[in-house]
Amino acid sequence: MNKYEIIIYWSEIDNAYIAEVPELAGCMADGKTYSEALENAEIIINEWIETAESLGREVPEPHGKLMYA
């Protein structure tokens, strides 16, 4: 279980729920349901971290709730 903030919203254009992880640049997922978007976000967060580590890039520490969205 990750501690990064995940923002989930419905996108009419994509006809799907979008899950964004603001603390990890470009990290987002989608799903046909809210739950699927959340589950996919957890997978993508892990993949984002693995990729950053394999490239020797810094992985930001989770800060929890952000003051903006």
N, C-alpha and C. Protein backbone atom coordinates (compact mmCIF):
# COMPACT_ATOMS: atom_id res chain seq x y z
N MET A 1 0.86 -1.19 0.00
CA MET A 1 0.00 0.00 0.00
C MET A 1 0.89 1.24 0.00
N ASN A 2 0.68 2.08 -0.97
CA ASN A 2 1.44 3.31 -1.08
C ASN A 2 0.78 4.43 -0.29
N LYS A 3 1.56 5.44 0.04
CA LYS A 3 1.04 6.55 0.82
C LYS A 3 0.97 7.83 0.00
N TYR A 4 1.06 7.70 -1.31
CA TYR A 4 0.95 8.86 -2.18
C TYR A 4 -0.52 9.23 -2.38
N GLU A 5 -0.77 10.53 -2.48
CA GLU A 5 -2.12 11.00 -2.73
C GLU A 5 -2.54 10.60 -4.14
N ILE A 6 -3.75 10.12 -4.29
CA ILE A 6 -4.31 9.74 -5.58
C ILE A 6 -5.60 10.53 -5.77
N ILE A 7 -5.67 11.27 -6.87
CA ILE A 7 -6.87 12.04 -7.19
C ILE A 7 -7.60 11.30 -8.30
N ILE A 8 -8.87 10.96 -8.05
CA ILE A 8 -9.65 10.21 -9.03
C ILE A 8 -10.85 11.06 -9.46
N TYR A 9 -11.06 11.12 -10.78
CA TYR A 9 -12.19 11.86 -11.31
C TYR A 9 -12.69 11.19 -12.59
N TRP A 10 -13.93 11.50 -12.95
CA TRP A 10 -14.52 10.96 -14.17
C TRP A 10 -14.16 11.86 -15.34
N SER A 11 -13.74 11.25 -16.45
CA SER A 11 -13.42 11.99 -17.66
C SER A 11 -14.42 11.61 -18.75
N GLU A 12 -15.25 12.57 -19.15
CA GLU A 12 -16.20 12.34 -20.23
C GLU A 12 -15.47 12.05 -21.54
N ILE A 13 -14.36 12.76 -21.78
CA ILE A 13 -13.60 12.60 -23.01
C ILE A 13 -13.07 11.17 -23.14
N ASP A 14 -12.54 10.64 -22.04
CA ASP A 14 -11.97 9.29 -22.05
C ASP A 14 -13.00 8.20 -21.75
N ASN A 15 -14.17 8.64 -21.27
CA ASN A 15 -15.21 7.70 -20.85
C ASN A 15 -14.65 6.70 -19.83
N ALA A 16 -13.91 7.26 -18.88
CA ALA A 16 -13.26 6.42 -17.85
C ALA A 16 -12.95 7.27 -16.63
N TYR A 17 -12.70 6.59 -15.51
CA TYR A 17 -12.18 7.27 -14.33
C TYR A 17 -10.67 7.43 -14.51
N ILE A 18 -10.16 8.59 -14.16
CA ILE A 18 -8.73 8.88 -14.25
C ILE A 18 -8.19 9.01 -12.83
N ALA A 19 -7.07 8.36 -12.57
CA ALA A 19 -6.41 8.43 -11.26
C ALA A 19 -5.04 9.07 -11.46
N GLU A 20 -4.84 10.24 -10.88
CA GLU A 20 -3.57 10.96 -10.99
C GLU A 20 -2.84 10.92 -9.65
N VAL A 21 -1.51 10.82 -9.73
CA VAL A 21 -0.65 10.82 -8.55
C VAL A 21 0.24 12.06 -8.67
N PRO A 22 -0.20 13.20 -8.11
CA PRO A 22 0.49 14.47 -8.33
C PRO A 22 1.96 14.50 -7.88
N GLU A 23 2.31 13.72 -6.88
CA GLU A 23 3.68 13.75 -6.36
C GLU A 23 4.67 13.01 -7.25
N LEU A 24 4.17 12.20 -8.19
CA LEU A 24 5.02 11.45 -9.10
C LEU A 24 4.73 11.93 -10.52
N ALA A 25 5.62 12.71 -11.07
CA ALA A 25 5.40 13.37 -12.36
C ALA A 25 4.95 12.39 -13.44
N GLY A 26 3.81 12.69 -14.06
CA GLY A 26 3.31 11.88 -15.15
C GLY A 26 2.68 10.56 -14.75
N CYS A 27 2.54 10.32 -13.45
CA CYS A 27 2.01 9.04 -12.98
C CYS A 27 0.49 9.12 -12.92
N MET A 28 -0.15 8.36 -13.82
CA MET A 28 -1.61 8.31 -13.82
C MET A 28 -2.08 7.00 -14.42
N ALA A 29 -3.32 6.66 -14.12
CA ALA A 29 -3.93 5.42 -14.61
C ALA A 29 -5.40 5.71 -14.87
N ASP A 30 -6.07 4.74 -15.47
CA ASP A 30 -7.50 4.89 -15.68
C ASP A 30 -8.20 3.57 -15.42
N GLY A 31 -9.52 3.61 -15.46
CA GLY A 31 -10.30 2.40 -15.26
C GLY A 31 -11.75 2.65 -15.61
N LYS A 32 -12.47 1.57 -15.90
CA LYS A 32 -13.89 1.68 -16.23
C LYS A 32 -14.72 2.01 -15.00
N THR A 33 -14.20 1.64 -13.81
CA THR A 33 -14.87 1.96 -12.55
C THR A 33 -13.88 2.70 -11.64
N TYR A 34 -14.43 3.32 -10.62
CA TYR A 34 -13.61 4.02 -9.63
C TYR A 34 -12.60 3.04 -9.01
N SER A 35 -13.10 1.88 -8.62
CA SER A 35 -12.25 0.87 -7.99
C SER A 35 -11.14 0.39 -8.92
N GLU A 36 -11.47 0.20 -10.19
CA GLU A 36 -10.48 -0.25 -11.16
C GLU A 36 -9.40 0.82 -11.36
N ALA A 37 -9.81 2.08 -11.40
CA ALA A 37 -8.83 3.17 -11.54
C ALA A 37 -7.90 3.21 -10.34
N LEU A 38 -8.43 3.02 -9.15
CA LEU A 38 -7.61 3.00 -7.94
C LEU A 38 -6.64 1.83 -7.95
N GLU A 39 -7.13 0.65 -8.31
CA GLU A 39 -6.29 -0.54 -8.38
C GLU A 39 -5.17 -0.35 -9.41
N ASN A 40 -5.51 0.21 -10.57
CA ASN A 40 -4.50 0.45 -11.60
C ASN A 40 -3.49 1.50 -11.16
N ALA A 41 -3.94 2.49 -10.39
CA ALA A 41 -3.03 3.52 -9.88
C ALA A 41 -1.99 2.90 -8.95
N GLU A 42 -2.41 1.97 -8.11
CA GLU A 42 -1.47 1.30 -7.21
C GLU A 42 -0.40 0.54 -8.00
N ILE A 43 -0.81 -0.11 -9.08
CA ILE A 43 0.15 -0.82 -9.93
C ILE A 43 1.12 0.15 -10.58
N ILE A 44 0.58 1.24 -11.11
CA ILE A 44 1.41 2.23 -11.82
C ILE A 44 2.36 2.93 -10.86
N ILE A 45 1.94 3.19 -9.63
CA ILE A 45 2.85 3.80 -8.65
C ILE A 45 4.06 2.89 -8.44
N ASN A 46 3.81 1.61 -8.25
CA ASN A 46 4.93 0.67 -8.05
C ASN A 46 5.84 0.63 -9.27
N GLU A 47 5.25 0.61 -10.47
CA GLU A 47 6.05 0.59 -11.69
C GLU A 47 6.83 1.89 -11.86
N TRP A 48 6.21 3.02 -11.51
CA TRP A 48 6.88 4.32 -11.60
C TRP A 48 8.12 4.32 -10.70
N ILE A 49 7.96 3.85 -9.47
CA ILE A 49 9.06 3.81 -8.50
C ILE A 49 10.15 2.87 -8.98
N GLU A 50 9.79 1.68 -9.45
CA GLU A 50 10.79 0.72 -9.95
C GLU A 50 11.59 1.31 -11.11
N THR A 51 10.89 1.98 -12.02
CA THR A 51 11.57 2.58 -13.18
C THR A 51 12.51 3.69 -12.74
N ALA A 52 12.06 4.56 -11.86
CA ALA A 52 12.90 5.65 -11.37
C ALA A 52 14.15 5.10 -10.68
N GLU A 53 13.98 4.10 -9.85
CA GLU A 53 15.12 3.51 -9.15
C GLU A 53 16.09 2.85 -10.12
N SER A 54 15.56 2.17 -11.14
CA SER A 54 16.45 1.50 -12.10
C SER A 54 17.23 2.50 -12.94
N LEU A 55 16.69 3.71 -13.09
CA LEU A 55 17.38 4.77 -13.84
C LEU A 55 18.24 5.66 -12.94
N GLY A 56 18.24 5.35 -11.63
CA GLY A 56 19.03 6.12 -10.68
C GLY A 56 18.44 7.49 -10.37
N ARG A 57 17.14 7.62 -10.58
CA ARG A 57 16.46 8.90 -10.29
C ARG A 57 15.89 8.90 -8.89
N GLU A 58 15.73 10.08 -8.36
CA GLU A 58 15.20 10.25 -7.01
C GLU A 58 13.69 9.93 -6.99
N VAL A 59 13.27 9.24 -5.96
CA VAL A 59 11.84 8.96 -5.75
C VAL A 59 11.37 9.85 -4.61
N PRO A 60 10.43 10.76 -4.89
CA PRO A 60 9.95 11.67 -3.85
C PRO A 60 9.27 10.91 -2.70
N GLU A 61 9.46 11.39 -1.51
CA GLU A 61 8.76 10.84 -0.35
C GLU A 61 7.31 11.31 -0.41
N PRO A 62 6.36 10.45 -0.03
CA PRO A 62 4.95 10.90 -0.04
C PRO A 62 4.72 11.95 1.05
N HIS A 63 3.96 12.97 0.70
CA HIS A 63 3.67 14.05 1.65
C HIS A 63 2.23 14.01 2.15
N GLY A 64 1.43 13.11 1.60
CA GLY A 64 0.03 13.06 2.02
C GLY A 64 -0.78 14.13 1.31
N LYS A 65 -1.82 14.59 1.94
CA LYS A 65 -2.74 15.53 1.32
C LYS A 65 -2.02 16.79 0.90
N LEU A 66 -2.24 17.16 -0.37
CA LEU A 66 -1.65 18.37 -0.89
C LEU A 66 -2.58 19.55 -0.63
N MET A 67 -2.05 20.73 -0.69
CA MET A 67 -2.84 21.93 -0.43
C MET A 67 -3.55 22.41 -1.70
N TYR A 68 -3.30 21.76 -2.82
CA TYR A 68 -3.93 22.14 -4.07
C TYR A 68 -4.28 20.89 -4.85
N ALA A 69 -5.10 21.03 -5.84
CA ALA A 69 -5.44 19.89 -6.71
C ALA A 69 -5.65 20.39 -8.12
